[in-house]
Amino acid sequence: MATDPMDQGEVERHAPLAGPMPALPVPDARGLRAALDREFPWLADATRAIAREVALLPDGAPARLPPLLLAGPPGLGKSTFARRVLEICGLPHRLVTATEGGGATLLGGHGRGWRGGRPALPLGLMAQSGLRTVGIVVDDVDRQGSADGWGTPQGWLLAVLEPATAQRYWDPFLLTECDLTGVSWVLTANDLSSVSGALKDRCLVVEVGYPPPDAAEMVVDGLLARLAAETGQRPGPLRIPAAAREVMVRGFAADPSTLRALARVVRLVCGAARLGEDPVAVARAGLAAISQAEDRPYAARRLGFGRR
């Protein structure tokens, strides 16, 4: 029993881990693929790899994805894609960014007696949800912060990505072995060369890139479908005037590296259309803001969505 009242509170919050925990069943691989293809058509390689892995699982098996490392340039929507995969699978999930600092404690927590002591991140999510099948997205794993007394995020992940060691993970706060085999890990990286060979060896590595200019129509329709899913509307792309869609298609074809900013233009255009404003003028203004931005893939502030 923990002697510190705060530590004791954490132990009690994680009491559900001591008993049997249910698992969500494996999702339908075809449905998963269809939804991701509709919303992220430019990430077809990643979708295909994930769907094939899910298809290998027998009906009724726990919904656990193999460790996935999604690598590619910024602005592709890798972290959004990762969260959407887990969402479609029905898995409770969390996203953490390796650049937040804190070393390995970002994921693994740390022992009792320390300020802010807590168990490993996935254990907290399991206790909160009451499920042993959960998901964790580790964004920018290639840009991890400095090591602490427990190592780096990449180093900590090496053990929990191996089924044999994940099944008997020793938690420094709970002071007992815990089973983390029900955790689905999705990692993202901009620079694959900054990810250790040992970590890459434990993951299904999928490299992705900017869509070609001739995929502009597919990309715009995908962004419209993604927005429909985010706002709880029917599956499929939102309807906007053809002239506004054409402006966005031409804008993306001129510079595929503007994908992230284009997603914000899509939101602006759809909102403007709902308010009876001129969506074509809004689309042109949004694309003009992107072209004038110094950091073009990250033109959020010029479009009114960045932090002030």
Protein backbone atom coordinates (compact mmCIF):
# COMPACT_ATOMS: atom_id res chain seq x y z
CA MET A 1 0.00 0.00 0.00
CA ALA A 2 1.25 3.48 -0.89
CA THR A 3 2.03 5.70 2.09
CA ASP A 4 1.67 9.02 0.28
CA PRO A 5 -2.00 10.08 -0.04
CA MET A 6 -1.51 11.22 -3.65
CA ASP A 7 0.20 7.96 -4.56
CA GLN A 8 -2.58 6.01 -2.85
CA GLY A 9 -5.15 7.90 -4.91
CA GLU A 10 -3.38 6.89 -8.12
CA VAL A 11 -3.24 3.26 -6.99
CA GLU A 12 -6.97 3.28 -6.30
CA ARG A 13 -7.75 4.84 -9.67
CA HIS A 14 -5.92 1.99 -11.33
CA ALA A 15 -7.58 -0.74 -9.27
CA PRO A 16 -9.57 -2.06 -12.30
CA LEU A 17 -6.29 -3.32 -13.72
CA ALA A 18 -6.15 -5.97 -11.02
CA GLY A 19 -9.09 -7.91 -12.46
CA PRO A 20 -10.00 -9.32 -15.87
CA MET A 21 -10.66 -6.66 -18.48
CA PRO A 22 -12.77 -7.09 -21.64
CA ALA A 23 -11.42 -6.48 -25.12
CA LEU A 24 -13.11 -4.93 -28.11
CA PRO A 25 -13.43 -7.30 -31.08
CA VAL A 26 -11.45 -6.84 -34.28
CA PRO A 27 -13.13 -4.41 -36.71
CA ASP A 28 -14.22 -5.29 -40.22
CA ALA A 29 -11.13 -4.88 -42.40
CA ARG A 30 -13.09 -3.95 -45.52
CA GLY A 31 -15.11 -1.32 -43.68
CA LEU A 32 -11.96 0.11 -42.13
CA ARG A 33 -10.29 0.33 -45.52
CA ALA A 34 -13.32 1.90 -47.18
CA ALA A 35 -13.60 4.63 -44.54
CA LEU A 36 -9.90 5.48 -44.63
CA ASP A 37 -9.76 5.47 -48.43
CA ARG A 38 -12.69 7.85 -48.50
CA GLU A 39 -11.21 10.30 -45.98
CA PHE A 40 -7.46 9.93 -46.63
CA PRO A 41 -7.08 8.85 -50.27
CA TRP A 42 -3.52 10.21 -50.40
CA LEU A 43 -2.49 7.74 -47.66
CA ALA A 44 -3.62 4.67 -49.57
CA ASP A 45 -0.38 2.78 -48.89
CA ALA A 46 -0.83 3.13 -45.14
CA THR A 47 -4.50 2.18 -45.35
CA ARG A 48 -3.73 -0.91 -47.39
CA ALA A 49 -1.02 -2.05 -44.97
CA ILE A 50 -3.28 -1.64 -41.93
CA ALA A 51 -6.29 -3.31 -43.56
CA ARG A 52 -4.19 -6.34 -44.52
CA GLU A 53 -3.00 -6.74 -40.94
CA VAL A 54 -6.55 -6.47 -39.59
CA ALA A 55 -7.78 -8.98 -42.16
CA LEU A 56 -5.35 -11.55 -40.74
CA LEU A 57 -7.04 -11.48 -37.33
CA PRO A 58 -9.79 -14.08 -36.80
CA ASP A 59 -13.35 -12.94 -36.13
CA GLY A 60 -13.86 -12.16 -32.46
CA ALA A 61 -10.16 -11.67 -31.77
CA PRO A 62 -9.15 -8.63 -29.69
CA ALA A 63 -8.84 -5.42 -31.69
CA ARG A 64 -5.09 -4.98 -31.59
CA LEU A 65 -3.14 -3.45 -34.45
CA PRO A 66 0.54 -4.24 -35.02
CA PRO A 67 2.89 -1.38 -34.14
CA LEU A 68 2.78 1.08 -37.04
CA LEU A 69 5.39 3.72 -37.89
CA LEU A 70 4.05 6.24 -40.37
CA ALA A 71 6.88 8.31 -41.87
CA GLY A 72 6.70 11.23 -44.26
CA PRO A 73 7.02 15.00 -44.64
CA PRO A 74 5.03 17.39 -42.46
CA GLY A 75 1.54 18.43 -43.40
CA LEU A 76 0.24 15.08 -44.65
CA GLY A 77 -2.17 14.55 -41.76
CA LYS A 78 -0.27 11.59 -40.30
CA SER A 79 -1.37 12.13 -36.71
CA THR A 80 -4.98 12.80 -37.77
CA PHE A 81 -4.89 9.60 -39.81
CA ALA A 82 -3.47 7.68 -36.85
CA ARG A 83 -6.23 8.85 -34.51
CA ARG A 84 -8.87 8.13 -37.12
CA VAL A 85 -7.63 4.54 -37.50
CA LEU A 86 -8.05 3.97 -33.77
CA GLU A 87 -11.39 5.77 -33.76
CA ILE A 88 -12.82 3.59 -36.52
CA CYS A 89 -11.60 0.52 -34.62
CA GLY A 90 -13.55 1.82 -31.61
CA LEU A 91 -10.44 1.96 -29.43
CA PRO A 92 -10.12 4.54 -26.64
CA HIS A 93 -6.93 6.39 -27.45
CA ARG A 94 -4.55 9.16 -26.52
CA LEU A 95 -2.08 11.22 -28.53
CA VAL A 96 1.21 12.39 -27.08
CA THR A 97 4.01 14.27 -28.79
CA ALA A 98 7.54 13.07 -28.24
CA THR A 99 8.75 16.68 -28.32
CA GLU A 100 6.83 17.45 -25.11
CA GLY A 101 9.92 16.53 -23.12
CA GLY A 102 10.12 14.43 -20.01
CA GLY A 103 12.03 11.62 -21.65
CA ALA A 104 10.68 8.13 -21.12
CA THR A 105 8.38 9.29 -18.31
CA LEU A 106 6.19 10.87 -21.00
CA LEU A 107 5.01 7.34 -21.78
CA GLY A 108 6.16 5.20 -18.89
CA GLY A 109 5.30 7.42 -15.94
CA HIS A 110 7.56 7.15 -12.90
CA GLY A 111 7.72 5.65 -9.48
CA ARG A 112 6.02 6.52 -6.20
CA GLY A 113 7.39 9.28 -4.05
CA TRP A 114 8.05 11.52 -7.04
CA ARG A 115 5.96 14.60 -7.70
CA GLY A 116 3.35 13.66 -10.27
CA GLY A 117 4.11 9.96 -9.93
CA ARG A 118 1.84 7.80 -12.10
CA PRO A 119 1.73 4.49 -13.94
CA ALA A 120 2.51 4.13 -17.63
CA LEU A 121 0.25 6.10 -19.97
CA PRO A 122 -1.53 3.09 -21.52
CA LEU A 123 -2.33 1.69 -18.08
CA GLY A 124 -4.13 4.90 -17.17
CA LEU A 125 -6.19 4.69 -20.35
CA MET A 126 -7.01 1.05 -19.68
CA ALA A 127 -8.15 1.81 -16.14
CA GLN A 128 -10.24 4.76 -17.29
CA SER A 129 -11.95 2.90 -20.15
CA GLY A 130 -12.25 -0.48 -18.45
CA LEU A 131 -10.81 -2.12 -21.58
CA ARG A 132 -7.52 -3.84 -22.24
CA THR A 133 -7.65 -2.86 -25.92
CA VAL A 134 -6.64 0.80 -26.22
CA GLY A 135 -4.54 2.87 -28.59
CA ILE A 136 -1.65 5.30 -28.17
CA VAL A 137 -0.40 7.67 -30.88
CA VAL A 138 3.15 8.92 -30.39
CA ASP A 139 3.59 11.90 -32.69
CA ASP A 140 7.00 13.08 -33.91
CA VAL A 141 8.82 10.13 -32.39
CA ASP A 142 11.87 11.14 -34.45
CA ARG A 143 12.07 14.46 -32.61
CA GLN A 144 11.99 13.09 -29.09
CA GLY A 145 13.09 15.19 -26.17
CA SER A 146 16.23 14.54 -24.16
CA ALA A 147 16.60 11.46 -22.01
CA ASP A 148 15.72 11.45 -18.33
CA GLY A 149 16.59 8.95 -15.62
CA TRP A 150 14.38 6.40 -17.36
CA GLY A 151 15.72 6.94 -20.88
CA THR A 152 14.07 8.28 -24.05
CA PRO A 153 10.62 7.64 -25.54
CA GLN A 154 12.17 5.57 -28.33
CA GLY A 155 14.11 3.51 -25.83
CA TRP A 156 11.05 2.92 -23.64
CA LEU A 157 8.98 1.81 -26.61
CA LEU A 158 11.39 -0.98 -27.48
CA ALA A 159 10.15 -3.16 -24.65
CA VAL A 160 6.42 -2.57 -24.97
CA LEU A 161 6.39 -3.20 -28.73
CA GLU A 162 7.64 -6.75 -28.22
CA PRO A 163 4.70 -9.04 -27.30
CA ALA A 164 6.78 -11.18 -24.94
CA THR A 165 7.97 -8.23 -22.84
CA ALA A 166 4.74 -6.26 -23.18
CA GLN A 167 2.87 -9.16 -21.59
CA ARG A 168 4.96 -8.81 -18.42
CA TYR A 169 5.71 -5.10 -18.30
CA TRP A 170 6.93 -4.07 -14.86
CA ASP A 171 5.34 -0.76 -13.92
CA PRO A 172 7.52 1.33 -11.59
CA PHE A 173 4.52 2.99 -9.95
CA LEU A 174 2.17 0.05 -9.46
CA LEU A 175 5.12 -2.18 -8.55
CA THR A 176 3.70 -5.14 -10.38
CA GLU A 177 3.70 -6.82 -13.78
CA CYS A 178 1.06 -5.56 -16.21
CA ASP A 179 -0.13 -6.87 -19.57
CA LEU A 180 0.21 -4.30 -22.35
CA THR A 181 -0.36 -6.67 -25.26
CA GLY A 182 -3.77 -5.14 -25.92
CA VAL A 183 -2.29 -1.73 -26.72
CA SER A 184 -2.22 -0.58 -30.37
CA TRP A 185 0.73 1.73 -31.01
CA VAL A 186 0.86 4.17 -33.93
CA LEU A 187 4.01 6.28 -34.27
CA THR A 188 4.62 9.15 -36.67
CA ALA A 189 7.88 10.61 -37.89
CA ASN A 190 8.98 13.24 -40.38
CA ASP A 191 12.56 11.96 -40.63
CA LEU A 192 12.89 8.19 -40.62
CA SER A 193 16.69 8.41 -40.32
CA SER A 194 16.23 9.82 -36.79
CA VAL A 195 14.38 6.71 -35.64
CA SER A 196 16.55 3.94 -34.21
CA GLY A 197 16.98 0.78 -36.22
CA ALA A 198 15.76 -1.28 -33.28
CA LEU A 199 12.50 0.67 -33.14
CA LYS A 200 11.95 0.45 -36.89
CA ASP A 201 12.56 -3.28 -36.68
CA ARG A 202 9.64 -3.65 -34.25
CA CYS A 203 7.16 -1.71 -36.40
CA LEU A 204 5.33 -1.97 -39.66
CA VAL A 205 7.02 0.97 -41.38
CA VAL A 206 5.03 2.81 -44.04
CA GLU A 207 6.62 5.73 -45.87
CA VAL A 208 4.25 8.25 -47.42
CA GLY A 209 4.71 11.43 -49.43
CA TYR A 210 2.84 14.36 -50.88
CA PRO A 211 0.24 13.37 -53.48
CA PRO A 212 1.10 14.21 -57.10
CA PRO A 213 -0.57 17.25 -58.68
CA ASP A 214 -2.81 15.04 -60.82
CA ALA A 215 -4.37 13.66 -57.62
CA ALA A 216 -5.79 17.08 -56.71
CA GLU A 217 -9.45 16.16 -57.25
CA MET A 218 -9.05 13.01 -55.15
CA VAL A 219 -7.39 15.02 -52.36
CA VAL A 220 -10.07 17.72 -52.24
CA ASP A 221 -12.84 15.11 -52.18
CA GLY A 222 -10.99 13.30 -49.40
CA LEU A 223 -10.75 16.46 -47.34
CA LEU A 224 -14.47 17.07 -47.83
CA ALA A 225 -15.22 13.50 -46.73
CA ARG A 226 -12.97 13.90 -43.70
CA LEU A 227 -14.78 17.07 -42.70
CA ALA A 228 -18.11 15.28 -43.06
CA ALA A 229 -16.90 12.56 -40.68
CA GLU A 230 -15.57 15.12 -38.18
CA THR A 231 -18.86 17.00 -38.10
CA GLY A 232 -21.00 13.88 -37.77
CA GLN A 233 -22.60 14.03 -41.18
CA ARG A 234 -23.33 11.27 -43.65
CA PRO A 235 -20.37 9.34 -45.13
CA GLY A 236 -18.98 10.87 -48.29
CA PRO A 237 -17.74 14.32 -49.24
CA LEU A 238 -19.69 17.44 -48.33
CA ARG A 239 -21.32 19.20 -51.23
CA ILE A 240 -20.01 22.60 -52.24
CA PRO A 241 -20.43 24.62 -55.44
CA ALA A 242 -18.44 23.14 -58.32
CA ALA A 243 -16.68 26.47 -58.93
CA ALA A 244 -15.33 26.56 -55.35
CA ARG A 245 -14.18 22.96 -55.60
CA GLU A 246 -12.40 23.73 -58.87
CA VAL A 247 -10.55 26.66 -57.29
CA MET A 248 -9.25 24.40 -54.52
CA VAL A 249 -8.33 21.64 -56.97
CA ARG A 250 -6.27 24.06 -59.07
CA GLY A 251 -4.67 25.52 -55.96
CA PHE A 252 -3.54 22.15 -54.66
CA ALA A 253 -2.32 21.01 -58.08
CA ALA A 254 -0.07 24.06 -58.15
CA ASP A 255 1.61 23.08 -54.87
CA PRO A 256 0.86 19.67 -53.24
CA SER A 257 2.93 20.65 -50.17
CA THR A 258 0.02 22.85 -49.02
CA LEU A 259 -2.13 19.87 -48.00
CA ARG A 260 -2.46 20.82 -44.32
CA ALA A 261 -3.34 24.42 -45.07
CA LEU A 262 -5.73 23.30 -47.82
CA ALA A 263 -7.67 21.33 -45.21
CA ARG A 264 -8.29 24.59 -43.38
CA VAL A 265 -9.40 26.28 -46.59
CA VAL A 266 -11.91 23.44 -47.07
CA ARG A 267 -13.34 24.16 -43.63
CA LEU A 268 -13.62 27.86 -44.40
CA VAL A 269 -15.29 27.24 -47.73
CA CYS A 270 -17.83 24.79 -46.33
CA GLY A 271 -18.67 27.11 -43.45
CA ALA A 272 -19.03 30.05 -45.82
CA ALA A 273 -21.35 28.06 -48.08
CA ARG A 274 -23.57 27.20 -45.11
CA LEU A 275 -23.79 30.89 -44.19
CA GLY A 276 -24.73 31.95 -47.69
CA GLU A 277 -21.40 33.66 -48.32
CA ASP A 278 -19.49 33.41 -51.58
CA PRO A 279 -17.49 30.14 -51.28
CA VAL A 280 -15.48 30.88 -54.42
CA ALA A 281 -14.22 34.17 -53.01
CA VAL A 282 -13.40 32.47 -49.70
CA ALA A 283 -11.49 29.71 -51.51
CA ARG A 284 -9.46 32.22 -53.50
CA ALA A 285 -8.68 34.29 -50.41
CA GLY A 286 -7.60 31.19 -48.49
CA LEU A 287 -5.31 29.99 -51.26
CA ALA A 288 -3.85 33.48 -51.58
CA ALA A 289 -3.03 33.45 -47.86
CA ILE A 290 -1.25 30.12 -48.29
CA SER A 291 0.83 31.36 -51.21
CA GLN A 292 1.91 34.43 -49.23
CA ALA A 293 2.78 32.56 -46.04
CA GLU A 294 6.48 32.20 -45.28
CA ASP A 295 5.99 28.66 -43.96
CA ARG A 296 3.51 27.40 -46.51
CA PRO A 297 2.57 23.98 -45.07
CA TYR A 298 1.79 25.69 -41.78
CA ALA A 299 -0.29 28.65 -42.95
CA ALA A 300 -2.84 28.19 -40.15
CA ARG A 301 -2.49 31.63 -38.62
CA ARG A 302 -3.17 33.45 -41.86
CA LEU A 303 -6.34 31.38 -42.21
CA GLY A 304 -7.60 32.21 -38.75
CA PHE A 305 -7.04 28.86 -37.06
CA GLY A 306 -3.60 29.28 -35.49
CA ARG A 307 -2.82 30.18 -31.92
CA ARG A 308 -2.59 33.87 -31.22
